[in-house]
Amino acid sequence: MSARTVDIPQSVLEDLKNFRFKNAKGTTAISIKIVKSSLTMAVDEEFEDQSIEEIAEELPESGPRYVLISHELKHPDGRISYPIILINWAPPSSPIGLMTLHASALSYFHQVSEVSKVTRIGIG
């Protein structure tokens, strides 16, 4: 029996893998939500060619999300890289039960998404 509170279906794992290896120009993102009724994660929305500000405006004010953002970074030596950032979107107006599930699954999602740094963002 698994000790995890929330499972990540194979289809979501495949979406995460495709996102990590996508060579899109500009800024792209994928948001993942927890489906409380089934205790699983699901892709909520994918963003293509939008600014970080536009992505932030699209996130719900009453539901936590894990958001992976890939942003084009131009280095002084001419190299271009696409680092992936994990945003832990946790607005304070979210239902407490959902926030508890979200917090308990963060470590597992962080591990599965293979991102080295997590940033927590709340509003209010």
N, C-alpha and C. Protein backbone atom coordinates (compact mmCIF):
# COMPACT_ATOMS: atom_id res chain seq x y z
N MET A 1 0.84 -1.19 0.00
CA MET A 1 0.00 0.00 0.00
C MET A 1 0.88 1.24 0.00
N SER A 2 0.51 2.22 -0.77
CA SER A 2 1.28 3.45 -0.91
C SER A 2 1.02 4.39 0.27
N ALA A 3 2.05 5.11 0.68
CA ALA A 3 1.92 6.08 1.77
C ALA A 3 1.54 7.46 1.23
N ARG A 4 1.37 7.59 -0.05
CA ARG A 4 1.03 8.88 -0.65
C ARG A 4 -0.45 9.18 -0.47
N THR A 5 -0.74 10.46 -0.25
CA THR A 5 -2.14 10.86 -0.11
C THR A 5 -2.79 11.11 -1.46
N VAL A 6 -1.99 11.52 -2.45
CA VAL A 6 -2.51 11.85 -3.77
C VAL A 6 -1.67 11.13 -4.83
N ASP A 7 -2.33 10.47 -5.77
CA ASP A 7 -1.63 9.76 -6.84
C ASP A 7 -1.51 10.63 -8.08
N ILE A 8 -0.49 10.32 -8.88
CA ILE A 8 -0.30 11.00 -10.15
C ILE A 8 -0.51 9.95 -11.25
N PRO A 9 -1.60 10.06 -12.01
CA PRO A 9 -1.87 9.09 -13.07
C PRO A 9 -0.78 9.08 -14.14
N GLN A 10 -0.65 7.98 -14.82
CA GLN A 10 0.36 7.83 -15.88
C GLN A 10 0.21 8.91 -16.95
N SER A 11 -1.02 9.27 -17.28
CA SER A 11 -1.23 10.30 -18.32
C SER A 11 -0.64 11.65 -17.90
N VAL A 12 -0.73 11.97 -16.62
CA VAL A 12 -0.15 13.23 -16.13
C VAL A 12 1.37 13.13 -16.14
N LEU A 13 1.91 11.98 -15.76
CA LEU A 13 3.37 11.79 -15.81
C LEU A 13 3.88 11.97 -17.24
N GLU A 14 3.14 11.46 -18.21
CA GLU A 14 3.53 11.62 -19.62
C GLU A 14 3.45 13.09 -20.05
N ASP A 15 2.42 13.79 -19.60
CA ASP A 15 2.30 15.23 -19.90
C ASP A 15 3.47 16.01 -19.30
N LEU A 16 3.88 15.65 -18.09
CA LEU A 16 5.01 16.32 -17.45
C LEU A 16 6.31 16.05 -18.22
N LYS A 17 6.49 14.80 -18.63
CA LYS A 17 7.69 14.45 -19.40
C LYS A 17 7.71 15.21 -20.73
N ASN A 18 6.58 15.26 -21.42
CA ASN A 18 6.50 16.01 -22.68
C ASN A 18 6.79 17.48 -22.47
N PHE A 19 6.31 18.03 -21.37
CA PHE A 19 6.56 19.44 -21.07
C PHE A 19 8.06 19.68 -20.85
N ARG A 20 8.70 18.80 -20.08
CA ARG A 20 10.12 18.97 -19.78
C ARG A 20 10.99 18.93 -21.04
N PHE A 21 10.61 18.12 -22.01
CA PHE A 21 11.45 17.95 -23.20
C PHE A 21 10.95 18.74 -24.41
N LYS A 22 9.95 19.57 -24.21
CA LYS A 22 9.44 20.41 -25.29
C LYS A 22 10.46 21.53 -25.54
N ASN A 23 10.76 21.78 -26.77
CA ASN A 23 11.71 22.84 -27.12
C ASN A 23 10.97 24.07 -27.63
N ALA A 24 10.01 24.53 -26.85
CA ALA A 24 9.23 25.69 -27.26
C ALA A 24 10.01 26.97 -26.99
N LYS A 25 9.86 27.92 -27.87
CA LYS A 25 10.48 29.23 -27.68
C LYS A 25 9.61 30.06 -26.74
N GLY A 26 10.21 31.00 -26.04
CA GLY A 26 9.46 31.88 -25.15
C GLY A 26 9.11 31.20 -23.84
N THR A 27 7.98 31.59 -23.29
CA THR A 27 7.54 31.09 -21.99
C THR A 27 6.36 30.15 -22.17
N THR A 28 6.46 28.97 -21.58
CA THR A 28 5.36 28.01 -21.58
C THR A 28 5.15 27.54 -20.14
N ALA A 29 3.97 27.02 -19.86
CA ALA A 29 3.68 26.54 -18.51
C ALA A 29 2.61 25.47 -18.56
N ILE A 30 2.57 24.70 -17.48
CA ILE A 30 1.53 23.70 -17.30
C ILE A 30 1.12 23.77 -15.83
N SER A 31 -0.19 23.80 -15.57
CA SER A 31 -0.66 23.82 -14.18
C SER A 31 -1.35 22.49 -13.87
N ILE A 32 -1.08 22.01 -12.67
CA ILE A 32 -1.59 20.73 -12.21
C ILE A 32 -2.44 20.98 -10.97
N LYS A 33 -3.62 20.37 -10.94
CA LYS A 33 -4.50 20.51 -9.79
C LYS A 33 -4.74 19.15 -9.15
N ILE A 34 -5.25 19.17 -7.94
CA ILE A 34 -5.64 17.94 -7.25
C ILE A 34 -7.15 17.79 -7.37
N VAL A 35 -7.57 16.62 -7.81
CA VAL A 35 -8.99 16.29 -7.87
C VAL A 35 -9.33 15.60 -6.55
N LYS A 36 -9.99 16.33 -5.68
CA LYS A 36 -10.24 15.85 -4.32
C LYS A 36 -11.06 14.56 -4.28
N SER A 37 -12.05 14.44 -5.16
CA SER A 37 -12.94 13.27 -5.13
C SER A 37 -12.21 11.96 -5.43
N SER A 38 -11.17 12.02 -6.27
CA SER A 38 -10.43 10.80 -6.63
C SER A 38 -9.03 10.75 -6.02
N LEU A 39 -8.64 11.82 -5.33
CA LEU A 39 -7.29 11.93 -4.74
C LEU A 39 -6.21 11.68 -5.80
N THR A 40 -6.39 12.31 -6.95
CA THR A 40 -5.41 12.23 -8.03
C THR A 40 -5.09 13.63 -8.53
N MET A 41 -3.99 13.73 -9.27
CA MET A 41 -3.63 14.99 -9.90
C MET A 41 -4.09 14.95 -11.35
N ALA A 42 -4.38 16.15 -11.87
CA ALA A 42 -4.82 16.28 -13.27
C ALA A 42 -4.25 17.56 -13.85
N VAL A 43 -3.98 17.53 -15.15
CA VAL A 43 -3.54 18.75 -15.83
C VAL A 43 -4.73 19.70 -15.85
N ASP A 44 -4.52 20.91 -15.35
CA ASP A 44 -5.58 21.91 -15.31
C ASP A 44 -5.56 22.76 -16.57
N GLU A 45 -4.37 23.24 -16.94
CA GLU A 45 -4.27 24.13 -18.09
C GLU A 45 -2.83 24.13 -18.60
N GLU A 46 -2.69 24.33 -19.91
CA GLU A 46 -1.37 24.51 -20.52
C GLU A 46 -1.32 25.89 -21.14
N PHE A 47 -0.17 26.54 -21.01
CA PHE A 47 0.01 27.90 -21.51
C PHE A 47 1.14 27.90 -22.53
N GLU A 48 0.90 28.52 -23.67
CA GLU A 48 1.91 28.63 -24.73
C GLU A 48 2.14 30.09 -25.06
N ASP A 49 3.38 30.48 -25.15
CA ASP A 49 3.75 31.81 -25.61
C ASP A 49 3.03 32.93 -24.86
N GLN A 50 2.97 32.82 -23.54
CA GLN A 50 2.38 33.86 -22.71
C GLN A 50 3.44 34.36 -21.74
N SER A 51 3.30 35.59 -21.29
CA SER A 51 4.24 36.12 -20.31
C SER A 51 3.93 35.50 -18.94
N ILE A 52 4.89 35.59 -18.05
CA ILE A 52 4.69 35.08 -16.70
C ILE A 52 3.53 35.82 -16.04
N GLU A 53 3.41 37.11 -16.29
CA GLU A 53 2.31 37.91 -15.73
C GLU A 53 0.95 37.41 -16.24
N GLU A 54 0.87 37.09 -17.53
CA GLU A 54 -0.38 36.58 -18.10
C GLU A 54 -0.74 35.22 -17.50
N ILE A 55 0.26 34.39 -17.29
CA ILE A 55 0.02 33.08 -16.67
C ILE A 55 -0.50 33.28 -15.25
N ALA A 56 0.13 34.18 -14.49
CA ALA A 56 -0.30 34.44 -13.11
C ALA A 56 -1.74 34.91 -13.05
N GLU A 57 -2.16 35.72 -14.00
CA GLU A 57 -3.53 36.22 -14.03
C GLU A 57 -4.55 35.11 -14.29
N GLU A 58 -4.13 34.06 -14.96
CA GLU A 58 -5.03 32.95 -15.29
C GLU A 58 -5.21 31.96 -14.14
N LEU A 59 -4.34 32.00 -13.15
CA LEU A 59 -4.42 31.04 -12.04
C LEU A 59 -5.59 31.38 -11.13
N PRO A 60 -6.28 30.37 -10.61
CA PRO A 60 -7.46 30.63 -9.78
C PRO A 60 -7.09 31.24 -8.43
N GLU A 61 -7.98 32.08 -7.91
CA GLU A 61 -7.75 32.69 -6.60
C GLU A 61 -8.27 31.82 -5.47
N SER A 62 -8.92 30.71 -5.80
CA SER A 62 -9.50 29.88 -4.75
C SER A 62 -9.15 28.40 -4.89
N GLY A 63 -8.03 28.11 -5.52
CA GLY A 63 -7.62 26.71 -5.66
C GLY A 63 -6.13 26.59 -5.86
N PRO A 64 -5.46 25.76 -5.05
CA PRO A 64 -4.01 25.60 -5.19
C PRO A 64 -3.65 24.86 -6.47
N ARG A 65 -2.48 25.15 -6.98
CA ARG A 65 -1.97 24.50 -8.19
C ARG A 65 -0.46 24.34 -8.07
N TYR A 66 0.06 23.33 -8.75
CA TYR A 66 1.49 23.23 -9.00
C TYR A 66 1.67 23.73 -10.42
N VAL A 67 2.54 24.70 -10.61
CA VAL A 67 2.73 25.28 -11.94
C VAL A 67 4.19 25.13 -12.34
N LEU A 68 4.42 24.46 -13.46
CA LEU A 68 5.76 24.37 -14.03
C LEU A 68 5.86 25.41 -15.13
N ILE A 69 6.89 26.25 -15.05
CA ILE A 69 7.10 27.30 -16.04
C ILE A 69 8.46 27.10 -16.68
N SER A 70 8.50 27.12 -18.00
CA SER A 70 9.75 27.08 -18.75
C SER A 70 9.90 28.44 -19.42
N HIS A 71 11.03 29.08 -19.16
CA HIS A 71 11.24 30.44 -19.64
C HIS A 71 12.58 30.53 -20.37
N GLU A 72 12.58 31.13 -21.53
CA GLU A 72 13.82 31.29 -22.30
C GLU A 72 14.77 32.23 -21.56
N LEU A 73 16.00 31.76 -21.33
CA LEU A 73 17.01 32.55 -20.63
C LEU A 73 18.23 32.70 -21.54
N LYS A 74 18.54 33.94 -21.90
CA LYS A 74 19.69 34.21 -22.76
C LYS A 74 20.88 34.58 -21.88
N HIS A 75 21.96 33.82 -22.02
CA HIS A 75 23.17 34.04 -21.23
C HIS A 75 24.08 35.04 -21.92
N PRO A 76 24.95 35.73 -21.15
CA PRO A 76 25.87 36.71 -21.73
C PRO A 76 26.79 36.14 -22.81
N ASP A 77 27.10 34.84 -22.73
CA ASP A 77 27.99 34.24 -23.72
C ASP A 77 27.25 33.78 -24.98
N GLY A 78 25.95 34.09 -25.07
CA GLY A 78 25.18 33.74 -26.26
C GLY A 78 24.36 32.47 -26.15
N ARG A 79 24.63 31.68 -25.13
CA ARG A 79 23.85 30.44 -24.96
C ARG A 79 22.41 30.77 -24.59
N ILE A 80 21.52 29.87 -24.94
CA ILE A 80 20.12 29.99 -24.54
C ILE A 80 19.75 28.72 -23.79
N SER A 81 19.13 28.90 -22.62
CA SER A 81 18.66 27.75 -21.86
C SER A 81 17.19 27.96 -21.51
N TYR A 82 16.55 26.90 -21.12
CA TYR A 82 15.13 26.93 -20.78
C TYR A 82 14.93 26.29 -19.41
N PRO A 83 15.29 27.01 -18.33
CA PRO A 83 15.12 26.42 -17.00
C PRO A 83 13.64 26.22 -16.69
N ILE A 84 13.36 25.21 -15.88
CA ILE A 84 11.99 24.94 -15.46
C ILE A 84 11.87 25.27 -13.98
N ILE A 85 10.86 26.04 -13.66
CA ILE A 85 10.62 26.50 -12.30
C ILE A 85 9.30 25.89 -11.83
N LEU A 86 9.29 25.39 -10.60
CA LEU A 86 8.05 24.89 -10.00
C LEU A 86 7.50 25.96 -9.07
N ILE A 87 6.31 26.43 -9.37
CA ILE A 87 5.62 27.40 -8.53
C ILE A 87 4.56 26.64 -7.73
N ASN A 88 4.61 26.79 -6.42
CA ASN A 88 3.59 26.22 -5.55
C ASN A 88 2.55 27.31 -5.31
N TRP A 89 1.52 27.33 -6.15
CA TRP A 89 0.48 28.35 -6.10
C TRP A 89 -0.53 27.95 -5.02
N ALA A 90 -0.57 28.71 -3.91
CA ALA A 90 -1.41 28.35 -2.78
C ALA A 90 -2.14 29.58 -2.24
N PRO A 91 -3.19 30.03 -2.91
CA PRO A 91 -3.92 31.21 -2.44
C PRO A 91 -4.61 30.93 -1.10
N PRO A 92 -4.57 31.90 -0.18
CA PRO A 92 -5.14 31.68 1.15
C PRO A 92 -6.65 31.46 1.16
N SER A 93 -7.35 31.82 0.09
CA SER A 93 -8.80 31.64 0.04
C SER A 93 -9.21 30.22 -0.38
N SER A 94 -8.23 29.34 -0.59
CA SER A 94 -8.53 27.96 -0.98
C SER A 94 -9.14 27.19 0.19
N PRO A 95 -10.01 26.22 -0.09
CA PRO A 95 -10.58 25.39 0.99
C PRO A 95 -9.47 24.68 1.77
N ILE A 96 -9.61 24.64 3.08
CA ILE A 96 -8.56 24.09 3.96
C ILE A 96 -8.27 22.62 3.64
N GLY A 97 -9.30 21.83 3.32
CA GLY A 97 -9.07 20.42 3.00
C GLY A 97 -8.23 20.25 1.75
N LEU A 98 -8.48 21.08 0.75
CA LEU A 98 -7.70 21.03 -0.49
C LEU A 98 -6.28 21.52 -0.25
N MET A 99 -6.13 22.55 0.59
CA MET A 99 -4.79 23.05 0.92
C MET A 99 -3.96 21.98 1.64
N THR A 100 -4.62 21.22 2.51
CA THR A 100 -3.93 20.14 3.23
C THR A 100 -3.46 19.07 2.26
N LEU A 101 -4.32 18.65 1.34
CA LEU A 101 -3.92 17.67 0.32
C LEU A 101 -2.79 18.21 -0.54
N HIS A 102 -2.90 19.46 -0.93
CA HIS A 102 -1.90 20.11 -1.77
C HIS A 102 -0.54 20.12 -1.07
N ALA A 103 -0.54 20.52 0.20
CA ALA A 103 0.72 20.58 0.96
C ALA A 103 1.32 19.19 1.15
N SER A 104 0.46 18.19 1.39
CA SER A 104 0.98 16.84 1.63
C SER A 104 1.56 16.21 0.36
N ALA A 105 1.10 16.65 -0.80
CA ALA A 105 1.57 16.07 -2.07
C ALA A 105 2.72 16.85 -2.70
N LEU A 106 3.06 18.01 -2.15
CA LEU A 106 4.08 18.86 -2.76
C LEU A 106 5.43 18.16 -2.90
N SER A 107 5.88 17.50 -1.87
CA SER A 107 7.18 16.84 -1.91
C SER A 107 7.22 15.77 -3.01
N TYR A 108 6.16 14.99 -3.11
CA TYR A 108 6.08 13.95 -4.14
C TYR A 108 6.06 14.57 -5.54
N PHE A 109 5.26 15.62 -5.73
CA PHE A 109 5.21 16.27 -7.03
C PHE A 109 6.56 16.89 -7.38
N HIS A 110 7.20 17.49 -6.41
CA HIS A 110 8.54 18.08 -6.61
C HIS A 110 9.51 17.01 -7.10
N GLN A 111 9.48 15.85 -6.47
CA GLN A 111 10.35 14.74 -6.86
C GLN A 111 10.04 14.26 -8.28
N VAL A 112 8.78 14.06 -8.58
CA VAL A 112 8.37 13.54 -9.88
C VAL A 112 8.65 14.53 -11.01
N SER A 113 8.48 15.82 -10.73
CA SER A 113 8.69 16.84 -11.77
C SER A 113 10.17 17.11 -12.04
N GLU A 114 11.04 16.61 -11.17
CA GLU A 114 12.49 16.73 -11.34
C GLU A 114 12.96 18.17 -11.48
N VAL A 115 12.38 19.04 -10.67
CA VAL A 115 12.77 20.45 -10.64
C VAL A 115 13.59 20.67 -9.38
N SER A 116 14.67 21.44 -9.49
CA SER A 116 15.56 21.59 -8.34
C SER A 116 15.09 22.62 -7.33
N LYS A 117 14.25 23.56 -7.71
CA LYS A 117 13.85 24.62 -6.79
C LYS A 117 12.34 24.85 -6.86
N VAL A 118 11.74 25.05 -5.67
CA VAL A 118 10.31 25.32 -5.57
C VAL A 118 10.12 26.73 -5.02
N THR A 119 9.20 27.48 -5.61
CA THR A 119 8.85 28.80 -5.11
C THR A 119 7.39 28.77 -4.71
N ARG A 120 7.10 29.22 -3.47
CA ARG A 120 5.71 29.25 -3.00
C ARG A 120 5.15 30.64 -3.22
N ILE A 121 3.96 30.70 -3.81
CA ILE A 121 3.31 31.98 -4.06
C ILE A 121 1.88 31.90 -3.55
N GLY A 122 1.53 32.87 -2.74
CA GLY A 122 0.15 33.03 -2.26
C GLY A 122 -0.27 34.45 -2.57
N ILE A 123 -1.53 34.71 -2.48
CA ILE A 123 -2.00 36.07 -2.72
C ILE A 123 -2.75 36.54 -1.50
N GLY A 124 -2.82 37.83 -1.32
CA GLY A 124 -3.60 38.37 -0.22
C GLY A 124 -2.80 38.80 0.94
